[in-house]
Structures are given as structure tokens and as C-alpha cells.
PDB file of N, CA and C in Angstrom:
ATOM      1  N   MET A   1     -31.342 -47.005  57.404  1.00  0.00           N
ATOM      2  CA  MET A   1     -31.239 -46.311  56.126  1.00  0.00           C
ATOM      3  C   MET A   1     -31.407 -44.804  56.306  1.00  0.00           C
ATOM      4  N   ALA A   2     -32.194 -44.419  57.280  1.00  0.00           N
ATOM      5  CA  ALA A   2     -32.431 -42.995  57.499  1.00  0.00           C
ATOM      6  C   ALA A   2     -31.130 -42.257  57.815  1.00  0.00           C
ATOM      7  N   THR A   3     -30.220 -42.918  58.513  1.00  0.00           N
ATOM      8  CA  THR A   3     -28.959 -42.246  58.844  1.00  0.00           C
ATOM      9  C   THR A   3     -28.140 -41.983  57.591  1.00  0.00           C
ATOM     10  N   ASP A   4     -28.188 -42.900  56.620  1.00  0.00           N
ATOM     11  CA  ASP A   4     -27.497 -42.671  55.345  1.00  0.00           C
ATOM     12  C   ASP A   4     -28.117 -41.479  54.627  1.00  0.00           C
ATOM     13  N   GLN A   5     -29.433 -41.423  54.618  1.00  0.00           N
ATOM     14  CA  GLN A   5     -30.118 -40.300  53.967  1.00  0.00           C
ATOM     15  C   GLN A   5     -29.820 -39.003  54.697  1.00  0.00           C
ATOM     16  N   ASP A   6     -29.802 -39.051  56.013  1.00  0.00           N
ATOM     17  CA  ASP A   6     -29.481 -37.856  56.795  1.00  0.00           C
ATOM     18  C   ASP A   6     -28.075 -37.362  56.469  1.00  0.00           C
ATOM     19  N   ALA A   7     -27.128 -38.287  56.405  1.00  0.00           N
ATOM     20  CA  ALA A   7     -25.748 -37.916  56.100  1.00  0.00           C
ATOM     21  C   ALA A   7     -25.640 -37.329  54.693  1.00  0.00           C
ATOM     22  N   THR A   8     -26.362 -37.919  53.749  1.00  0.00           N
ATOM     23  CA  THR A   8     -26.336 -37.425  52.372  1.00  0.00           C
ATOM     24  C   THR A   8     -26.934 -36.023  52.299  1.00  0.00           C
ATOM     25  N   CYS A   9     -28.057 -35.824  52.971  1.00  0.00           N
ATOM     26  CA  CYS A   9     -28.682 -34.491  52.977  1.00  0.00           C
ATOM     27  C   CYS A   9     -27.775 -33.471  53.643  1.00  0.00           C
ATOM     28  N   LYS A  10     -27.113 -33.866  54.705  1.00  0.00           N
ATOM     29  CA  LYS A  10     -26.195 -32.966  55.400  1.00  0.00           C
ATOM     30  C   LYS A  10     -25.042 -32.563  54.476  1.00  0.00           C
ATOM     31  N   ARG A  11     -24.507 -33.536  53.750  1.00  0.00           N
ATOM     32  CA  ARG A  11     -23.434 -33.238  52.790  1.00  0.00           C
ATOM     33  C   ARG A  11     -23.908 -32.279  51.710  1.00  0.00           C
ATOM     34  N   LEU A  12     -25.111 -32.539  51.194  1.00  0.00           N
ATOM     35  CA  LEU A  12     -25.636 -31.686  50.126  1.00  0.00           C
ATOM     36  C   LEU A  12     -25.889 -30.259  50.616  1.00  0.00           C
ATOM     37  N   LYS A  13     -26.341 -30.125  51.845  1.00  0.00           N
ATOM     38  CA  LYS A  13     -26.547 -28.786  52.399  1.00  0.00           C
ATOM     39  C   LYS A  13     -25.211 -28.062  52.568  1.00  0.00           C
ATOM     40  N   ARG A  14     -24.189 -28.815  52.942  1.00  0.00           N
ATOM     41  CA  ARG A  14     -22.847 -28.230  53.047  1.00  0.00           C
ATOM     42  C   ARG A  14     -22.369 -27.774  51.666  1.00  0.00           C
ATOM     43  N   ILE A  15     -22.618 -28.592  50.655  1.00  0.00           N
ATOM     44  CA  ILE A  15     -22.241 -28.238  49.276  1.00  0.00           C
ATOM     45  C   ILE A  15     -23.015 -27.002  48.829  1.00  0.00           C
ATOM     46  N   GLU A  16     -24.285 -26.948  49.192  1.00  0.00           N
ATOM     47  CA  GLU A  16     -25.104 -25.775  48.857  1.00  0.00           C
ATOM     48  C   GLU A  16     -24.473 -24.506  49.433  1.00  0.00           C
ATOM     49  N   GLY A  17     -24.002 -24.587  50.655  1.00  0.00           N
ATOM     50  CA  GLY A  17     -23.326 -23.447  51.279  1.00  0.00           C
ATOM     51  C   GLY A  17     -22.047 -23.087  50.546  1.00  0.00           C
ATOM     52  N   GLN A  18     -21.310 -24.117  50.104  1.00  0.00           N
ATOM     53  CA  GLN A  18     -20.080 -23.859  49.345  1.00  0.00           C
ATOM     54  C   GLN A  18     -20.404 -23.128  48.046  1.00  0.00           C
ATOM     55  N   VAL A  19     -21.470 -23.546  47.379  1.00  0.00           N
ATOM     56  CA  VAL A  19     -21.851 -22.919  46.105  1.00  0.00           C
ATOM     57  C   VAL A  19     -22.250 -21.462  46.337  1.00  0.00           C
ATOM     58  N   ARG A  20     -22.994 -21.207  47.412  1.00  0.00           N
ATOM     59  CA  ARG A  20     -23.335 -19.817  47.733  1.00  0.00           C
ATOM     60  C   ARG A  20     -22.063 -18.998  47.978  1.00  0.00           C
ATOM     61  N   GLY A  21     -21.083 -19.612  48.626  1.00  0.00           N
ATOM     62  CA  GLY A  21     -19.814 -18.937  48.852  1.00  0.00           C
ATOM     63  C   GLY A  21     -19.104 -18.616  47.550  1.00  0.00           C
ATOM     64  N   ILE A  22     -19.190 -19.516  46.596  1.00  0.00           N
ATOM     65  CA  ILE A  22     -18.568 -19.276  45.287  1.00  0.00           C
ATOM     66  C   ILE A  22     -19.260 -18.124  44.579  1.00  0.00           C
ATOM     67  N   VAL A  23     -20.577 -18.074  44.681  1.00  0.00           N
ATOM     68  CA  VAL A  23     -21.310 -16.953  44.077  1.00  0.00           C
ATOM     69  C   VAL A  23     -20.815 -15.639  44.663  1.00  0.00           C
ATOM     70  N   ARG A  24     -20.665 -15.605  45.983  1.00  0.00           N
ATOM     71  CA  ARG A  24     -20.155 -14.380  46.627  1.00  0.00           C
ATOM     72  C   ARG A  24     -18.748 -14.047  46.142  1.00  0.00           C
ATOM     73  N   MET A  25     -17.930 -15.071  46.002  1.00  0.00           N
ATOM     74  CA  MET A  25     -16.557 -14.845  45.532  1.00  0.00           C
ATOM     75  C   MET A  25     -16.565 -14.198  44.150  1.00  0.00           C
ATOM     76  N   ILE A  26     -17.417 -14.699  43.283  1.00  0.00           N
ATOM     77  CA  ILE A  26     -17.489 -14.155  41.917  1.00  0.00           C
ATOM     78  C   ILE A  26     -18.039 -12.729  41.954  1.00  0.00           C
ATOM     79  N   GLU A  27     -19.074 -12.516  42.766  1.00  0.00           N
ATOM     80  CA  GLU A  27     -19.632 -11.163  42.888  1.00  0.00           C
ATOM     81  C   GLU A  27     -18.612 -10.177  43.433  1.00  0.00           C
ATOM     82  N   GLU A  28     -17.729 -10.652  44.299  1.00  0.00           N
ATOM     83  CA  GLU A  28     -16.694  -9.801  44.890  1.00  0.00           C
ATOM     84  C   GLU A  28     -15.436  -9.732  44.035  1.00  0.00           C
ATOM     85  N   ASP A  29     -15.498 -10.363  42.858  1.00  0.00           N
ATOM     86  CA  ASP A  29     -14.375 -10.352  41.917  1.00  0.00           C
ATOM     87  C   ASP A  29     -13.102 -10.912  42.549  1.00  0.00           C
ATOM     88  N   ARG A  30     -13.254 -12.040  43.242  1.00  0.00           N
ATOM     89  CA  ARG A  30     -12.107 -12.681  43.888  1.00  0.00           C
ATOM     90  C   ARG A  30     -11.191 -13.307  42.842  1.00  0.00           C
ATOM     91  N   TYR A  31     -10.000 -13.591  43.256  1.00  0.00           N
ATOM     92  CA  TYR A  31      -8.964 -14.155  42.384  1.00  0.00           C
ATOM     93  C   TYR A  31      -9.457 -15.466  41.754  1.00  0.00           C
ATOM     94  N   CYS A  32      -9.279 -15.580  40.457  1.00  0.00           N
ATOM     95  CA  CYS A  32      -9.808 -16.717  39.692  1.00  0.00           C
ATOM     96  C   CYS A  32      -9.349 -18.071  40.236  1.00  0.00           C
ATOM     97  N   ILE A  33      -8.093 -18.171  40.605  1.00  0.00           N
ATOM     98  CA  ILE A  33      -7.576 -19.449  41.108  1.00  0.00           C
ATOM     99  C   ILE A  33      -8.296 -19.851  42.389  1.00  0.00           C
ATOM    100  N   ASP A  34      -8.593 -18.877  43.246  1.00  0.00           N
ATOM    101  CA  ASP A  34      -9.334 -19.174  44.473  1.00  0.00           C
ATOM    102  C   ASP A  34     -10.724 -19.712  44.146  1.00  0.00           C
ATOM    103  N   VAL A  35     -11.373 -19.101  43.165  1.00  0.00           N
ATOM    104  CA  VAL A  35     -12.700 -19.559  42.734  1.00  0.00           C
ATOM    105  C   VAL A  35     -12.594 -20.966  42.158  1.00  0.00           C
ATOM    106  N   LEU A  36     -11.611 -21.181  41.313  1.00  0.00           N
ATOM    107  CA  LEU A  36     -11.434 -22.503  40.698  1.00  0.00           C
ATOM    108  C   LEU A  36     -11.175 -23.581  41.751  1.00  0.00           C
ATOM    109  N   GLN A  37     -10.405 -23.258  42.765  1.00  0.00           N
ATOM    110  CA  GLN A  37     -10.147 -24.227  43.837  1.00  0.00           C
ATOM    111  C   GLN A  37     -11.442 -24.586  44.560  1.00  0.00           C
ATOM    112  N   GLN A  38     -12.281 -23.603  44.793  1.00  0.00           N
ATOM    113  CA  GLN A  38     -13.560 -23.874  45.454  1.00  0.00           C
ATOM    114  C   GLN A  38     -14.479 -24.694  44.557  1.00  0.00           C
ATOM    115  N   LEU A  39     -14.449 -24.415  43.253  1.00  0.00           N
ATOM    116  CA  LEU A  39     -15.245 -25.212  42.306  1.00  0.00           C
ATOM    117  C   LEU A  39     -14.793 -26.670  42.311  1.00  0.00           C
ATOM    118  N   GLN A  40     -13.482 -26.881  42.358  1.00  0.00           N
ATOM    119  CA  GLN A  40     -12.969 -28.251  42.416  1.00  0.00           C
ATOM    120  C   GLN A  40     -13.394 -28.944  43.705  1.00  0.00           C
ATOM    121  N   ALA A  41     -13.414 -28.206  44.802  1.00  0.00           N
ATOM    122  CA  ALA A  41     -13.838 -28.776  46.081  1.00  0.00           C
ATOM    123  C   ALA A  41     -15.303 -29.206  46.013  1.00  0.00           C
ATOM    124  N   VAL A  42     -16.134 -28.388  45.369  1.00  0.00           N
ATOM    125  CA  VAL A  42     -17.553 -28.735  45.222  1.00  0.00           C
ATOM    126  C   VAL A  42     -17.703 -29.965  44.337  1.00  0.00           C
ATOM    127  N   GLN A  43     -16.955 -30.024  43.242  1.00  0.00           N
ATOM    128  CA  GLN A  43     -17.030 -31.192  42.359  1.00  0.00           C
ATOM    129  C   GLN A  43     -16.628 -32.462  43.101  1.00  0.00           C
ATOM    130  N   ALA A  44     -15.583 -32.385  43.907  1.00  0.00           N
ATOM    131  CA  ALA A  44     -15.137 -33.550  44.669  1.00  0.00           C
ATOM    132  C   ALA A  44     -16.194 -33.955  45.692  1.00  0.00           C
ATOM    133  N   ALA A  45     -16.800 -32.979  46.338  1.00  0.00           N
ATOM    134  CA  ALA A  45     -17.843 -33.274  47.322  1.00  0.00           C
ATOM    135  C   ALA A  45     -19.055 -33.908  46.657  1.00  0.00           C
ATOM    136  N   LEU A  46     -19.440 -33.409  45.489  1.00  0.00           N
ATOM    137  CA  LEU A  46     -20.555 -34.011  44.758  1.00  0.00           C
ATOM    138  C   LEU A  46     -20.232 -35.443  44.321  1.00  0.00           C
ATOM    139  N   ALA A  47     -18.992 -35.679  43.941  1.00  0.00           N
ATOM    140  CA  ALA A  47     -18.579 -37.036  43.552  1.00  0.00           C
ATOM    141  C   ALA A  47     -18.710 -37.991  44.742  1.00  0.00           C
ATOM    142  N   ARG A  48     -18.379 -37.515  45.947  1.00  0.00           N
ATOM    143  CA  ARG A  48     -18.530 -38.362  47.140  1.00  0.00           C
ATOM    144  C   ARG A  48     -20.002 -38.656  47.421  1.00  0.00           C
ATOM    145  N   VAL A  49     -20.861 -37.666  47.220  1.00  0.00           N
ATOM    146  CA  VAL A  49     -22.303 -37.892  47.399  1.00  0.00           C
ATOM    147  C   VAL A  49     -22.803 -38.890  46.363  1.00  0.00           C
ATOM    148  N   GLU A  50     -22.358 -38.722  45.135  1.00  0.00           N
ATOM    149  CA  GLU A  50     -22.757 -39.646  44.066  1.00  0.00           C
ATOM    150  C   GLU A  50     -22.343 -41.080  44.414  1.00  0.00           C
ATOM    151  N   ASP A  51     -21.134 -41.242  44.915  1.00  0.00           N
ATOM    152  CA  ASP A  51     -20.665 -42.573  45.314  1.00  0.00           C
ATOM    153  C   ASP A  51     -21.554 -43.163  46.406  1.00  0.00           C
ATOM    154  N   ALA A  52     -21.923 -42.345  47.378  1.00  0.00           N
ATOM    155  CA  ALA A  52     -22.757 -42.813  48.480  1.00  0.00           C
ATOM    156  C   ALA A  52     -24.136 -43.232  47.983  1.00  0.00           C
ATOM    157  N   VAL A  53     -24.724 -42.452  47.077  1.00  0.00           N
ATOM    158  CA  VAL A  53     -26.043 -42.785  46.539  1.00  0.00           C
ATOM    159  C   VAL A  53     -25.964 -44.053  45.695  1.00  0.00           C
ATOM    160  N   LEU A  54     -24.898 -44.198  44.925  1.00  0.00           N
ATOM    161  CA  LEU A  54     -24.715 -45.403  44.122  1.00  0.00           C
ATOM    162  C   LEU A  54     -24.579 -46.640  45.009  1.00  0.00           C
ATOM    163  N   LYS A  55     -23.799 -46.535  46.073  1.00  0.00           N
ATOM    164  CA  LYS A  55     -23.657 -47.657  47.002  1.00  0.00           C
ATOM    165  C   LYS A  55     -24.991 -48.010  47.635  1.00  0.00           C
ATOM    166  N   ASP A  56     -25.764 -46.989  48.002  1.00  0.00           N
ATOM    167  CA  ASP A  56     -27.079 -47.229  48.584  1.00  0.00           C
ATOM    168  C   ASP A  56     -27.996 -47.922  47.580  1.00  0.00           C
ATOM    169  N   HIS A  57     -27.946 -47.477  46.335  1.00  0.00           N
ATOM    170  CA  HIS A  57     -28.782 -48.082  45.283  1.00  0.00           C
ATOM    171  C   HIS A  57     -28.441 -49.562  45.114  1.00  0.00           C
ATOM    172  N   THR A  58     -27.159 -49.878  45.081  1.00  0.00           N
ATOM    173  CA  THR A  58     -26.788 -51.283  44.896  1.00  0.00           C
ATOM    174  C   THR A  58     -27.138 -52.112  46.127  1.00  0.00           C
ATOM    175  N   ALA A  59     -27.038 -51.512  47.316  1.00  0.00           N
ATOM    176  CA  ALA A  59     -27.330 -52.249  48.550  1.00  0.00           C
ATOM    177  C   ALA A  59     -28.821 -52.421  48.789  1.00  0.00           C
ATOM    178  N   THR A  60     -29.641 -51.628  48.122  1.00  0.00           N
ATOM    179  CA  THR A  60     -31.083 -51.735  48.338  1.00  0.00           C
ATOM    180  C   THR A  60     -31.804 -52.198  47.077  1.00  0.00           C
ATOM    181  N   CYS A  61     -31.870 -51.338  46.093  1.00  0.00           N
ATOM    182  CA  CYS A  61     -32.653 -51.620  44.885  1.00  0.00           C
ATOM    183  C   CYS A  61     -32.120 -52.809  44.087  1.00  0.00           C
ATOM    184  N   VAL A  62     -30.816 -52.808  43.832  1.00  0.00           N
ATOM    185  CA  VAL A  62     -30.232 -53.897  43.037  1.00  0.00           C
ATOM    186  C   VAL A  62     -30.271 -55.201  43.832  1.00  0.00           C
ATOM    187  N   GLU A  63     -29.903 -55.132  45.098  1.00  0.00           N
ATOM    188  CA  GLU A  63     -29.927 -56.329  45.939  1.00  0.00           C
ATOM    189  C   GLU A  63     -31.334 -56.908  46.030  1.00  0.00           C
ATOM    190  N   SER A  64     -32.334 -56.060  46.116  1.00  0.00           N
ATOM    191  CA  SER A  64     -33.728 -56.504  46.176  1.00  0.00           C
ATOM    192  C   SER A  64     -34.130 -57.203  44.880  1.00  0.00           C
ATOM    193  N   ALA A  65     -33.692 -56.659  43.757  1.00  0.00           N
ATOM    194  CA  ALA A  65     -34.002 -57.275  42.466  1.00  0.00           C
ATOM    195  C   ALA A  65     -33.348 -58.652  42.359  1.00  0.00           C
ATOM    196  N   ILE A  66     -32.130 -58.770  42.848  1.00  0.00           N
ATOM    197  CA  ILE A  66     -31.438 -60.056  42.816  1.00  0.00           C
ATOM    198  C   ILE A  66     -32.153 -61.063  43.712  1.00  0.00           C
ATOM    199  N   ALA A  67     -32.514 -60.616  44.912  1.00  0.00           N
ATOM    200  CA  ALA A  67     -33.175 -61.506  45.875  1.00  0.00           C
ATOM    201  C   ALA A  67     -34.552 -61.939  45.400  1.00  0.00           C
ATOM    202  N   SER A  68     -35.196 -61.120  44.574  1.00  0.00           N
ATOM    203  CA  SER A  68     -36.551 -61.442  44.107  1.00  0.00           C
ATOM    204  C   SER A  68     -36.561 -62.637  43.167  1.00  0.00           C
ATOM    205  N   GLY A  69     -35.428 -62.868  42.506  1.00  0.00           N
ATOM    206  CA  GLY A  69     -35.372 -63.955  41.535  1.00  0.00           C
ATOM    207  C   GLY A  69     -36.044 -63.617  40.216  1.00  0.00           C
ATOM    208  N   ASP A  70     -36.564 -62.416  40.103  1.00  0.00           N
ATOM    209  CA  ASP A  70     -37.255 -61.961  38.887  1.00  0.00           C
ATOM    210  C   ASP A  70     -36.207 -61.499  37.875  1.00  0.00           C
ATOM    211  N   ALA A  71     -35.995 -62.312  36.853  1.00  0.00           N
ATOM    212  CA  ALA A  71     -34.965 -62.019  35.856  1.00  0.00           C
ATOM    213  C   ALA A  71     -35.224 -60.692  35.146  1.00  0.00           C
ATOM    214  N   GLY A  72     -36.481 -60.378  34.878  1.00  0.00           N
ATOM    215  CA  GLY A  72     -36.815 -59.117  34.218  1.00  0.00           C
ATOM    216  C   GLY A  72     -36.448 -57.921  35.074  1.00  0.00           C
ATOM    217  N   GLU A  73     -36.750 -57.992  36.365  1.00  0.00           N
ATOM    218  CA  GLU A  73     -36.411 -56.907  37.284  1.00  0.00           C
ATOM    219  C   GLU A  73     -34.897 -56.781  37.428  1.00  0.00           C
ATOM    220  N   GLN A  74     -34.210 -57.897  37.488  1.00  0.00           N
ATOM    221  CA  GLN A  74     -32.745 -57.877  37.570  1.00  0.00           C
ATOM    222  C   GLN A  74     -32.157 -57.191  36.338  1.00  0.00           C
ATOM    223  N   ARG A  75     -32.687 -57.548  35.181  1.00  0.00           N
ATOM    224  CA  ARG A  75     -32.211 -56.959  33.926  1.00  0.00           C
ATOM    225  C   ARG A  75     -32.474 -55.449  33.907  1.00  0.00           C
ATOM    226  N   ARG A  76     -33.658 -55.034  34.382  1.00  0.00           N
ATOM    227  CA  ARG A  76     -33.993 -53.606  34.412  1.00  0.00           C
ATOM    228  C   ARG A  76     -33.021 -52.829  35.300  1.00  0.00           C
ATOM    229  N   LYS A  77     -32.744 -53.347  36.481  1.00  0.00           N
ATOM    230  CA  LYS A  77     -31.827 -52.661  37.391  1.00  0.00           C
ATOM    231  C   LYS A  77     -30.421 -52.585  36.801  1.00  0.00           C
ATOM    232  N   PHE A  78     -29.982 -53.662  36.180  1.00  0.00           N
ATOM    233  CA  PHE A  78     -28.663 -53.670  35.551  1.00  0.00           C
ATOM    234  C   PHE A  78     -28.622 -52.649  34.413  1.00  0.00           C
ATOM    235  N   ASN A  79     -29.658 -52.646  33.575  1.00  0.00           N
ATOM    236  CA  ASN A  79     -29.691 -51.722  32.444  1.00  0.00           C
ATOM    237  C   ASN A  79     -29.762 -50.267  32.897  1.00  0.00           C
ATOM    238  N   GLU A  80     -30.429 -49.996  34.021  1.00  0.00           N
ATOM    239  CA  GLU A  80     -30.448 -48.634  34.559  1.00  0.00           C
ATOM    240  C   GLU A  80     -29.023 -48.151  34.845  1.00  0.00           C
ATOM    241  N   LEU A  81     -28.239 -49.015  35.460  1.00  0.00           N
ATOM    242  CA  LEU A  81     -26.857 -48.647  35.777  1.00  0.00           C
ATOM    243  C   LEU A  81     -26.027 -48.470  34.512  1.00  0.00           C
ATOM    244  N   VAL A  82     -26.185 -49.372  33.564  1.00  0.00           N
ATOM    245  CA  VAL A  82     -25.445 -49.266  32.302  1.00  0.00           C
ATOM    246  C   VAL A  82     -25.800 -47.959  31.602  1.00  0.00           C
ATOM    247  N   ASP A  83     -27.095 -47.634  31.539  1.00  0.00           N
ATOM    248  CA  ASP A  83     -27.529 -46.391  30.891  1.00  0.00           C
ATOM    249  C   ASP A  83     -26.986 -45.168  31.615  1.00  0.00           C
ATOM    250  N   LEU A  84     -26.998 -45.207  32.933  1.00  0.00           N
ATOM    251  CA  LEU A  84     -26.479 -44.097  33.724  1.00  0.00           C
ATOM    252  C   LEU A  84     -25.005 -43.847  33.411  1.00  0.00           C
ATOM    253  N   PHE A  85     -24.215 -44.902  33.423  1.00  0.00           N
ATOM    254  CA  PHE A  85     -22.780 -44.745  33.165  1.00  0.00           C
ATOM    255  C   PHE A  85     -22.517 -44.368  31.707  1.00  0.00           C
ATOM    256  N   ALA A  86     -23.354 -44.832  30.787  1.00  0.00           N
ATOM    257  CA  ALA A  86     -23.199 -44.459  29.380  1.00  0.00           C
ATOM    258  C   ALA A  86     -23.425 -42.961  29.193  1.00  0.00           C
ATOM    259  N   ARG A  87     -24.397 -42.395  29.928  1.00  0.00           N
ATOM    260  CA  ARG A  87     -24.674 -40.956  29.824  1.00  0.00           C
ATOM    261  C   ARG A  87     -23.504 -40.116  30.320  1.00  0.00           C
ATOM    262  N   THR A  88     -22.771 -40.614  31.293  1.00  0.00           N
ATOM    263  CA  THR A  88     -21.650 -39.837  31.833  1.00  0.00           C
ATOM    264  C   THR A  88     -20.475 -39.792  30.858  1.00  0.00           C
ATOM    265  N   LYS A  89     -20.447 -40.703  29.907  1.00  0.00           N
ATOM    266  CA  LYS A  89     -19.363 -40.725  28.922  1.00  0.00           C
ATOM    267  C   LYS A  89     -19.590 -39.728  27.795  1.00  0.00           C
ATOM    268  N   ARG A  90     -20.790 -39.247  27.665  1.00  0.00           N
ATOM    269  CA  ARG A  90     -21.111 -38.344  26.534  1.00  0.00           C
ATOM    270  C   ARG A  90     -20.623 -36.964  26.791  1.00  0.00           C
TER     271      ARG A  90
END
């Protein structure tokens, strides 16, 4: 699991560098389309990180709740995901 976390942290640090680059671009009054392209690249990179964290959550937390046989815990984990996705629709 540590390698997944390491990879996720590495991706996030790369994204952090991209964001700093965008700040510099704006400070240097770079062409808007260039800035927008970099913003889209950051959004896509964040979406990939989100996917990785979601997969990890289902492979660990949700799977553990299912294996426990505890219906209440299973319901809680399911409802967490439903609530999360509901918030993204707002």
C-alpha cells in the first residue's frame, strides 16, 4: 500500500509544481490560452489522483466493511460514497 501512497504523493507534488508554474505564467502576463491549457492539464492530473484514491478506498475500506459482515458498517461506507458523489453534482 505504501507504494500507492508514494505514487499518489509524487503525483500531487508534480501537480503542485504545475500550479506554481501557472502562478508564474499569470504574473508574467502570459497568453491566456497557454494558461488555460495548463489549468486543464492540472484538472486532468487531479482527476487521475482522485481516481487512484477512490480505487484505493474501495480496495481497502469498502472491501474491509464487506468482509466484516457488519451490515451497519457496510451501509456507512456505501453512504459515504453516495454522499461524496452527490456533492460533486451540486
